[in-house]
Amino acid sequence: MKIKPSIRYQLHDQRLSFLVYYGVMVGMILLNLLFLPFAGGSDLRITSGGITAVTSIFFFIVGLCSFKDPFLLGLQHGISRRSQFLARLASMGIGCAFLALADEIYTLLVALLKIPFPNSFFAFSLYEMVYGGSTGTKLSLGLMDEATAATSHTALMTILLSIVFSFFVLLVFNSFGYLVTTLNYRLGKTGKIILWCGWPALLMASGVLFDANPRLESALAAFMVNLARLCFSTLPRMCLTCLLLTALFSALTWLLMRRANAK
């Protein structure tokens, strides 16, 4: 079914963007290190908190740019839509796993800078910021003179849970981006105008409606807060919610993709 060549092509197509993204992130840290001696020393605090939030936006944009060229190239080489869709799911999973691991490695490397610069560098994963985790225990993995076995175990669990958290968050953002670009590909000119002009108009109309009806705004806000608590109050619930959203976005993508023609 030519799935493996399609997976390799899609991963190869994304490789450069991954390298550029993390190159920029590492370059920012190196730039901070370069100017650290001239910035007041102990008074400067550099915090890297929740890099996965930035990576999610990046991977959403990657999803927006991942349909047309691979799809048309696949059709030219006789790769069916089904095979391309399955390859897409596989490459998305591999990409999410790589980025989740890379985010945690980046966070750990920034946290290790606290050893030579104890008052300047601080790093926390998005999982630690949302669910607490074991903030401050990551460095104990490199400073075992004061760390206990229980603390090390907690730190390792925090690292693993941070990777799991990031993986599922990235799945949702990338699958949604791919759905948007697939929908945009299927729409005609009129449909694209309605889609991209309709959303801003709808948001503006909603703002006017909420301003005129404060009770409606309060009720909707309370509903959204309760829904967020139901879906994201714990890590297992968050993972299940993200998995269901990814399945929904992927199913809609397949419905659009299975009848897509070359343009």
C-alpha atoms as a PDB file:
ATOM      1  CA  MET A   1       0.000   0.000   0.000  1.00  0.00           C
ATOM      2  CA  LYS A   2       3.095   2.238  -0.094  1.00  0.00           C
ATOM      3  CA  ILE A   3       2.483   3.527   3.423  1.00  0.00           C
ATOM      4  CA  LYS A   4       6.125   3.439   4.526  1.00  0.00           C
ATOM      5  CA  PRO A   5       7.433   5.638   1.673  1.00  0.00           C
ATOM      6  CA  SER A   6       4.676   8.138   2.405  1.00  0.00           C
ATOM      7  CA  ILE A   7       5.595   8.182   6.116  1.00  0.00           C
ATOM      8  CA  ARG A   8       9.269   8.730   5.291  1.00  0.00           C
ATOM      9  CA  TYR A   9       8.436  11.556   2.896  1.00  0.00           C
ATOM     10  CA  GLN A  10       6.164  13.347   5.365  1.00  0.00           C
ATOM     11  CA  LEU A  11       8.709  13.053   8.180  1.00  0.00           C
ATOM     12  CA  HIS A  12      11.513  14.210   5.891  1.00  0.00           C
ATOM     13  CA  ASP A  13       9.358  17.149   4.819  1.00  0.00           C
ATOM     14  CA  GLN A  14       8.961  18.241   8.460  1.00  0.00           C
ATOM     15  CA  ARG A  15      12.540  17.621   9.530  1.00  0.00           C
ATOM     16  CA  LEU A  16      13.905  21.012   8.538  1.00  0.00           C
ATOM     17  CA  SER A  17      11.113  22.888  10.315  1.00  0.00           C
ATOM     18  CA  PHE A  18      11.841  20.946  13.524  1.00  0.00           C
ATOM     19  CA  LEU A  19      15.534  21.791  13.310  1.00  0.00           C
ATOM     20  CA  VAL A  20      14.846  25.471  12.679  1.00  0.00           C
ATOM     21  CA  TYR A  21      12.363  25.656  15.551  1.00  0.00           C
ATOM     22  CA  TYR A  22      14.646  24.138  18.167  1.00  0.00           C
ATOM     23  CA  GLY A  23      17.610  25.986  16.717  1.00  0.00           C
ATOM     24  CA  VAL A  24      15.790  29.245  17.430  1.00  0.00           C
ATOM     25  CA  MET A  25      14.871  28.130  20.971  1.00  0.00           C
ATOM     26  CA  VAL A  26      18.454  27.098  21.772  1.00  0.00           C
ATOM     27  CA  GLY A  27      19.751  30.276  20.146  1.00  0.00           C
ATOM     28  CA  MET A  28      17.606  32.367  22.490  1.00  0.00           C
ATOM     29  CA  ILE A  29      19.140  30.655  25.522  1.00  0.00           C
ATOM     30  CA  LEU A  30      22.658  31.107  24.132  1.00  0.00           C
ATOM     31  CA  LEU A  31      21.894  34.764  23.529  1.00  0.00           C
ATOM     32  CA  ASN A  32      20.787  35.134  27.147  1.00  0.00           C
ATOM     33  CA  LEU A  33      24.005  33.471  28.295  1.00  0.00           C
ATOM     34  CA  LEU A  34      26.014  35.849  26.128  1.00  0.00           C
ATOM     35  CA  PHE A  35      24.460  38.945  27.683  1.00  0.00           C
ATOM     36  CA  LEU A  36      24.184  37.539  31.207  1.00  0.00           C
ATOM     37  CA  PRO A  37      27.510  39.064  32.427  1.00  0.00           C
ATOM     38  CA  PHE A  38      26.309  42.513  31.306  1.00  0.00           C
ATOM     39  CA  ALA A  39      22.778  42.298  32.729  1.00  0.00           C
ATOM     40  CA  GLY A  40      23.254  42.649  36.452  1.00  0.00           C
ATOM     41  CA  GLY A  41      24.124  39.046  37.281  1.00  0.00           C
ATOM     42  CA  SER A  42      21.949  37.819  40.145  1.00  0.00           C
ATOM     43  CA  ASP A  43      19.185  40.337  39.424  1.00  0.00           C
ATOM     44  CA  LEU A  44      18.386  38.733  36.076  1.00  0.00           C
ATOM     45  CA  ARG A  45      15.808  35.917  36.066  1.00  0.00           C
ATOM     46  CA  ILE A  46      15.356  33.865  32.895  1.00  0.00           C
ATOM     47  CA  THR A  47      12.410  31.495  33.085  1.00  0.00           C
ATOM     48  CA  SER A  48      11.510  28.859  30.504  1.00  0.00           C
ATOM     49  CA  GLY A  49       7.994  27.846  31.433  1.00  0.00           C
ATOM     50  CA  GLY A  50       5.746  25.600  29.398  1.00  0.00           C
ATOM     51  CA  ILE A  51       7.614  25.390  26.106  1.00  0.00           C
ATOM     52  CA  THR A  52       4.965  22.903  24.950  1.00  0.00           C
ATOM     53  CA  ALA A  53       2.497  25.798  24.656  1.00  0.00           C
ATOM     54  CA  VAL A  54       4.768  27.390  22.040  1.00  0.00           C
ATOM     55  CA  THR A  55       5.485  24.027  20.406  1.00  0.00           C
ATOM     56  CA  SER A  56       1.726  23.388  20.099  1.00  0.00           C
ATOM     57  CA  ILE A  57       1.271  26.573  18.075  1.00  0.00           C
ATOM     58  CA  PHE A  58       4.280  25.652  15.970  1.00  0.00           C
ATOM     59  CA  PHE A  59       2.938  22.138  15.317  1.00  0.00           C
ATOM     60  CA  PHE A  60      -0.497  23.554  14.498  1.00  0.00           C
ATOM     61  CA  ILE A  61       1.142  25.660  11.795  1.00  0.00           C
ATOM     62  CA  VAL A  62       3.063  22.602  10.596  1.00  0.00           C
ATOM     63  CA  GLY A  63      -0.296  20.842  10.262  1.00  0.00           C
ATOM     64  CA  LEU A  64      -1.619  23.759   8.210  1.00  0.00           C
ATOM     65  CA  CYS A  65       1.272  23.312   5.768  1.00  0.00           C
ATOM     66  CA  SER A  66       1.205  19.509   5.541  1.00  0.00           C
ATOM     67  CA  PHE A  67      -1.594  18.584   3.164  1.00  0.00           C
ATOM     68  CA  LYS A  68      -1.465  19.899  -0.387  1.00  0.00           C
ATOM     69  CA  ASP A  69       2.071  19.115  -1.564  1.00  0.00           C
ATOM     70  CA  PRO A  70       2.353  15.615  -0.002  1.00  0.00           C
ATOM     71  CA  PHE A  71      -1.188  14.787  -1.155  1.00  0.00           C
ATOM     72  CA  LEU A  72      -0.611  15.764  -4.781  1.00  0.00           C
ATOM     73  CA  LEU A  73       2.802  14.094  -4.859  1.00  0.00           C
ATOM     74  CA  GLY A  74       1.299  10.921  -3.433  1.00  0.00           C
ATOM     75  CA  LEU A  75      -1.403  10.832  -6.075  1.00  0.00           C
ATOM     76  CA  GLN A  76       1.209  11.301  -8.803  1.00  0.00           C
ATOM     77  CA  HIS A  77       3.124   8.275  -7.492  1.00  0.00           C
ATOM     78  CA  GLY A  78       0.053   6.086  -7.243  1.00  0.00           C
ATOM     79  CA  ILE A  79      -0.363   6.225  -3.440  1.00  0.00           C
ATOM     80  CA  SER A  80      -4.022   5.897  -2.542  1.00  0.00           C
ATOM     81  CA  ARG A  81      -5.839   8.376  -0.331  1.00  0.00           C
ATOM     82  CA  ARG A  82      -6.295   5.701   2.309  1.00  0.00           C
ATOM     83  CA  SER A  83      -2.578   4.952   2.389  1.00  0.00           C
ATOM     84  CA  GLN A  84      -1.753   8.656   2.593  1.00  0.00           C
ATOM     85  CA  PHE A  85      -4.211   9.102   5.453  1.00  0.00           C
ATOM     86  CA  LEU A  86      -2.766   6.176   7.406  1.00  0.00           C
ATOM     87  CA  ALA A  87       0.735   7.463   6.738  1.00  0.00           C
ATOM     88  CA  ARG A  88      -0.375  10.849   7.964  1.00  0.00           C
ATOM     89  CA  LEU A  89      -1.608   9.372  11.253  1.00  0.00           C
ATOM     90  CA  ALA A  90       1.680   7.519  11.712  1.00  0.00           C
ATOM     91  CA  SER A  91       3.854  10.535  10.913  1.00  0.00           C
ATOM     92  CA  MET A  92       1.749  12.690  13.218  1.00  0.00           C
ATOM     93  CA  GLY A  93       2.258  10.247  16.084  1.00  0.00           C
ATOM     94  CA  ILE A  94       6.007  10.038  15.436  1.00  0.00           C
ATOM     95  CA  GLY A  95       6.278  13.813  15.193  1.00  0.00           C
ATOM     96  CA  CYS A  96       4.345  14.335  18.439  1.00  0.00           C
ATOM     97  CA  ALA A  97       6.533  11.802  20.254  1.00  0.00           C
ATOM     98  CA  PHE A  98       9.713  13.480  18.993  1.00  0.00           C
ATOM     99  CA  LEU A  99       8.560  16.988  19.889  1.00  0.00           C
ATOM    100  CA  ALA A 100       7.296  15.927  23.322  1.00  0.00           C
ATOM    101  CA  LEU A 101      10.657  14.327  24.088  1.00  0.00           C
ATOM    102  CA  ALA A 102      12.580  17.281  22.646  1.00  0.00           C
ATOM    103  CA  ASP A 103      10.542  19.731  24.741  1.00  0.00           C
ATOM    104  CA  GLU A 104      11.395  17.854  27.927  1.00  0.00           C
ATOM    105  CA  ILE A 105      15.080  17.630  27.010  1.00  0.00           C
ATOM    106  CA  TYR A 106      15.108  21.371  26.334  1.00  0.00           C
ATOM    107  CA  THR A 107      13.437  22.039  29.699  1.00  0.00           C
ATOM    108  CA  LEU A 108      15.963  19.834  31.493  1.00  0.00           C
ATOM    109  CA  LEU A 109      18.917  21.511  29.775  1.00  0.00           C
ATOM    110  CA  VAL A 110      17.666  24.950  30.760  1.00  0.00           C
ATOM    111  CA  ALA A 111      17.078  23.696  34.303  1.00  0.00           C
ATOM    112  CA  LEU A 112      20.671  22.428  34.452  1.00  0.00           C
ATOM    113  CA  LEU A 113      21.865  25.986  33.845  1.00  0.00           C
ATOM    114  CA  LYS A 114      20.682  26.655  37.378  1.00  0.00           C
ATOM    115  CA  ILE A 115      23.798  24.840  38.616  1.00  0.00           C
ATOM    116  CA  PRO A 116      26.312  27.484  37.404  1.00  0.00           C
ATOM    117  CA  PHE A 117      23.680  30.280  37.565  1.00  0.00           C
ATOM    118  CA  PRO A 118      21.536  29.473  40.631  1.00  0.00           C
ATOM    119  CA  ASN A 119      19.640  32.773  40.651  1.00  0.00           C
ATOM    120  CA  SER A 120      19.183  33.313  36.937  1.00  0.00           C
ATOM    121  CA  PHE A 121      17.740  30.240  35.172  1.00  0.00           C
ATOM    122  CA  PHE A 122      14.475  28.478  35.992  1.00  0.00           C
ATOM    123  CA  ALA A 123      12.623  25.940  33.837  1.00  0.00           C
ATOM    124  CA  PHE A 124       9.278  24.172  34.211  1.00  0.00           C
ATOM    125  CA  SER A 125       7.322  21.996  31.825  1.00  0.00           C
ATOM    126  CA  LEU A 126       3.742  22.843  30.889  1.00  0.00           C
ATOM    127  CA  TYR A 127       2.617  19.749  32.809  1.00  0.00           C
ATOM    128  CA  GLU A 128       4.210  21.115  36.002  1.00  0.00           C
ATOM    129  CA  MET A 129       2.570  24.491  35.468  1.00  0.00           C
ATOM    130  CA  VAL A 130      -0.890  22.968  34.936  1.00  0.00           C
ATOM    131  CA  TYR A 131      -0.911  20.024  37.340  1.00  0.00           C
ATOM    132  CA  GLY A 132       1.812  20.965  39.795  1.00  0.00           C
ATOM    133  CA  GLY A 133       4.199  18.026  39.274  1.00  0.00           C
ATOM    134  CA  SER A 134       7.345  18.039  41.365  1.00  0.00           C
ATOM    135  CA  THR A 135       8.596  21.549  40.700  1.00  0.00           C
ATOM    136  CA  GLY A 136      12.243  21.914  41.463  1.00  0.00           C
ATOM    137  CA  THR A 137      12.987  18.173  41.671  1.00  0.00           C
ATOM    138  CA  LYS A 138      14.437  17.853  38.179  1.00  0.00           C
ATOM    139  CA  LEU A 139      17.760  19.261  39.245  1.00  0.00           C
ATOM    140  CA  SER A 140      17.998  16.609  41.965  1.00  0.00           C
ATOM    141  CA  LEU A 141      18.734  14.097  39.207  1.00  0.00           C
ATOM    142  CA  GLY A 142      22.037  15.872  38.654  1.00  0.00           C
ATOM    143  CA  LEU A 143      22.731  16.692  42.297  1.00  0.00           C
ATOM    144  CA  MET A 144      22.454  13.378  44.083  1.00  0.00           C
ATOM    145  CA  ASP A 145      24.299  14.479  47.217  1.00  0.00           C
ATOM    146  CA  GLU A 146      21.054  15.798  48.746  1.00  0.00           C
ATOM    147  CA  ALA A 147      18.466  13.855  46.798  1.00  0.00           C
ATOM    148  CA  THR A 148      16.723  10.833  48.236  1.00  0.00           C
ATOM    149  CA  ALA A 149      15.501   7.805  46.303  1.00  0.00           C
ATOM    150  CA  ALA A 150      11.912   8.966  46.731  1.00  0.00           C
ATOM    151  CA  THR A 151      12.712  12.400  45.343  1.00  0.00           C
ATOM    152  CA  SER A 152      14.492  10.884  42.344  1.00  0.00           C
ATOM    153  CA  HIS A 153      11.523   8.619  41.683  1.00  0.00           C
ATOM    154  CA  THR A 154       9.173  11.606  41.844  1.00  0.00           C
ATOM    155  CA  ALA A 155      11.386  13.572  39.481  1.00  0.00           C
ATOM    156  CA  LEU A 156      11.507  10.734  36.967  1.00  0.00           C
ATOM    157  CA  MET A 157       7.737  10.363  37.131  1.00  0.00           C
ATOM    158  CA  THR A 158       7.335  14.096  36.535  1.00  0.00           C
ATOM    159  CA  ILE A 159       9.563  13.875  33.465  1.00  0.00           C
ATOM    160  CA  LEU A 160       7.626  10.916  32.056  1.00  0.00           C
ATOM    161  CA  LEU A 161       4.248  12.509  32.769  1.00  0.00           C
ATOM    162  CA  SER A 162       5.414  15.749  31.174  1.00  0.00           C
ATOM    163  CA  ILE A 163       6.268  13.848  27.992  1.00  0.00           C
ATOM    164  CA  VAL A 164       2.898  12.080  28.005  1.00  0.00           C
ATOM    165  CA  PHE A 165       1.093  15.380  28.600  1.00  0.00           C
ATOM    166  CA  SER A 166       2.935  17.114  25.773  1.00  0.00           C
ATOM    167  CA  PHE A 167       2.324  14.206  23.379  1.00  0.00           C
ATOM    168  CA  PHE A 168      -1.460  14.355  23.700  1.00  0.00           C
ATOM    169  CA  VAL A 169      -1.601  18.152  23.561  1.00  0.00           C
ATOM    170  CA  LEU A 170       0.465  18.165  20.371  1.00  0.00           C
ATOM    171  CA  LEU A 171      -1.791  15.516  18.843  1.00  0.00           C
ATOM    172  CA  VAL A 172      -4.828  17.775  19.160  1.00  0.00           C
ATOM    173  CA  PHE A 173      -3.166  20.872  17.749  1.00  0.00           C
ATOM    174  CA  ASN A 174      -1.577  19.123  14.784  1.00  0.00           C
ATOM    175  CA  SER A 175      -4.685  17.124  13.861  1.00  0.00           C
ATOM    176  CA  PHE A 176      -6.799  20.295  14.037  1.00  0.00           C
ATOM    177  CA  GLY A 177      -4.354  22.168  11.825  1.00  0.00           C
ATOM    178  CA  TYR A 178      -4.439  19.333   9.291  1.00  0.00           C
ATOM    179  CA  LEU A 179      -8.257  19.353   9.355  1.00  0.00           C
ATOM    180  CA  VAL A 180      -8.339  23.092   8.689  1.00  0.00           C
ATOM    181  CA  THR A 181      -5.982  22.888   5.715  1.00  0.00           C
ATOM    182  CA  THR A 182      -7.855  19.880   4.286  1.00  0.00           C
ATOM    183  CA  LEU A 183     -11.159  21.751   4.581  1.00  0.00           C
ATOM    184  CA  ASN A 184      -9.592  24.795   2.958  1.00  0.00           C
ATOM    185  CA  TYR A 185      -8.348  22.605   0.086  1.00  0.00           C
ATOM    186  CA  ARG A 186     -11.813  21.148  -0.543  1.00  0.00           C
ATOM    187  CA  LEU A 187     -13.642  24.473  -0.465  1.00  0.00           C
ATOM    188  CA  GLY A 188     -14.102  26.583  -3.539  1.00  0.00           C
ATOM    189  CA  LYS A 189     -13.452  30.299  -3.714  1.00  0.00           C
ATOM    190  CA  THR A 190     -16.870  31.193  -2.309  1.00  0.00           C
ATOM    191  CA  GLY A 191     -16.530  28.688   0.499  1.00  0.00           C
ATOM    192  CA  LYS A 192     -13.097  30.018   1.436  1.00  0.00           C
ATOM    193  CA  ILE A 193     -14.402  33.580   1.577  1.00  0.00           C
ATOM    194  CA  ILE A 194     -17.303  32.497   3.794  1.00  0.00           C
ATOM    195  CA  LEU A 195     -14.990  30.486   6.047  1.00  0.00           C
ATOM    196  CA  TRP A 196     -12.231  33.040   6.577  1.00  0.00           C
ATOM    197  CA  CYS A 197     -14.500  36.097   6.676  1.00  0.00           C
ATOM    198  CA  GLY A 198     -17.311  34.388   8.560  1.00  0.00           C
ATOM    199  CA  TRP A 199     -15.299  33.509  11.676  1.00  0.00           C
ATOM    200  CA  PRO A 200     -14.186  37.093  12.447  1.00  0.00           C
ATOM    201  CA  ALA A 201     -17.695  38.358  11.748  1.00  0.00           C
ATOM    202  CA  LEU A 202     -19.164  35.695  14.037  1.00  0.00           C
ATOM    203  CA  LEU A 203     -16.750  36.600  16.833  1.00  0.00           C
ATOM    204  CA  MET A 204     -17.589  40.293  16.509  1.00  0.00           C
ATOM    205  CA  ALA A 205     -21.324  39.538  16.550  1.00  0.00           C
ATOM    206  CA  SER A 206     -20.856  37.322  19.604  1.00  0.00           C
ATOM    207  CA  GLY A 207     -19.024  40.129  21.400  1.00  0.00           C
ATOM    208  CA  VAL A 208     -21.887  42.535  20.721  1.00  0.00           C
ATOM    209  CA  LEU A 209     -24.424  39.928  21.856  1.00  0.00           C
ATOM    210  CA  PHE A 210     -22.569  39.254  25.105  1.00  0.00           C
ATOM    211  CA  ASP A 211     -22.219  42.967  25.818  1.00  0.00           C
ATOM    212  CA  ALA A 212     -25.982  43.349  25.441  1.00  0.00           C
ATOM    213  CA  ASN A 213     -26.727  40.230  27.535  1.00  0.00           C
ATOM    214  CA  PRO A 214     -24.373  39.983  30.544  1.00  0.00           C
ATOM    215  CA  ARG A 215     -26.352  37.068  31.993  1.00  0.00           C
ATOM    216  CA  LEU A 216     -25.819  35.052  28.823  1.00  0.00           C
ATOM    217  CA  GLU A 217     -22.103  35.811  28.970  1.00  0.00           C
ATOM    218  CA  SER A 218     -21.917  34.730  32.617  1.00  0.00           C
ATOM    219  CA  ALA A 219     -23.851  31.527  31.924  1.00  0.00           C
ATOM    220  CA  LEU A 220     -21.628  30.655  28.958  1.00  0.00           C
ATOM    221  CA  ALA A 221     -18.462  31.406  30.943  1.00  0.00           C
ATOM    222  CA  ALA A 222     -19.651  29.195  33.810  1.00  0.00           C
ATOM    223  CA  PHE A 223     -20.469  26.408  31.361  1.00  0.00           C
ATOM    224  CA  MET A 224     -17.034  26.615  29.744  1.00  0.00           C
ATOM    225  CA  VAL A 225     -15.291  26.575  33.144  1.00  0.00           C
ATOM    226  CA  ASN A 226     -17.261  23.510  34.257  1.00  0.00           C
ATOM    227  CA  LEU A 227     -16.582  21.784  30.947  1.00  0.00           C
ATOM    228  CA  ALA A 228     -12.854  22.512  31.236  1.00  0.00           C
ATOM    229  CA  ARG A 229     -12.813  21.123  34.774  1.00  0.00           C
ATOM    230  CA  LEU A 230     -14.637  18.005  33.627  1.00  0.00           C
ATOM    231  CA  CYS A 231     -12.299  17.369  30.719  1.00  0.00           C
ATOM    232  CA  PHE A 232      -8.940  18.607  32.017  1.00  0.00           C
ATOM    233  CA  SER A 233      -9.034  18.420  35.825  1.00  0.00           C
ATOM    234  CA  THR A 234      -6.699  15.395  35.877  1.00  0.00           C
ATOM    235  CA  LEU A 235      -4.050  14.064  33.522  1.00  0.00           C
ATOM    236  CA  PRO A 236      -6.014  10.891  32.563  1.00  0.00           C
ATOM    237  CA  ARG A 237      -9.068  12.992  31.721  1.00  0.00           C
ATOM    238  CA  MET A 238      -6.932  15.373  29.708  1.00  0.00           C
ATOM    239  CA  CYS A 239      -5.349  12.499  27.770  1.00  0.00           C
ATOM    240  CA  LEU A 240      -8.747  10.933  27.058  1.00  0.00           C
ATOM    241  CA  THR A 241     -10.199  14.273  25.958  1.00  0.00           C
ATOM    242  CA  CYS A 242      -7.263  14.962  23.652  1.00  0.00           C
ATOM    243  CA  LEU A 243      -7.485  11.458  22.212  1.00  0.00           C
ATOM    244  CA  LEU A 244     -11.208  11.844  21.495  1.00  0.00           C
ATOM    245  CA  LEU A 245     -10.673  15.254  19.895  1.00  0.00           C
ATOM    246  CA  THR A 246      -7.854  13.859  17.763  1.00  0.00           C
ATOM    247  CA  ALA A 247     -10.088  10.969  16.671  1.00  0.00           C
ATOM    248  CA  LEU A 248     -12.877  13.429  15.788  1.00  0.00           C
ATOM    249  CA  PHE A 249     -10.578  15.744  13.823  1.00  0.00           C
ATOM    250  CA  SER A 250      -8.976  12.782  12.037  1.00  0.00           C
ATOM    251  CA  ALA A 251     -12.362  11.280  11.127  1.00  0.00           C
ATOM    252  CA  LEU A 252     -13.525  14.590   9.662  1.00  0.00           C
ATOM    253  CA  THR A 253     -10.227  14.887   7.801  1.00  0.00           C
ATOM    254  CA  TRP A 254     -10.724  11.451   6.263  1.00  0.00           C
ATOM    255  CA  LEU A 255     -14.250  12.346   5.129  1.00  0.00           C
ATOM    256  CA  LEU A 256     -12.833  15.381   3.359  1.00  0.00           C
ATOM    257  CA  MET A 257      -9.716  13.668   2.058  1.00  0.00           C
ATOM    258  CA  ARG A 258     -11.316  10.508   0.623  1.00  0.00           C
ATOM    259  CA  ARG A 259     -13.033  12.485  -2.152  1.00  0.00           C
ATOM    260  CA  ALA A 260     -10.423  15.162  -2.674  1.00  0.00           C
ATOM    261  CA  ASN A 261      -9.254  15.623  -6.268  1.00  0.00           C
ATOM    262  CA  ALA A 262      -6.004  16.973  -7.615  1.00  0.00           C
ATOM    263  CA  LYS A 263      -6.131  20.729  -8.166  1.00  0.00           C
END
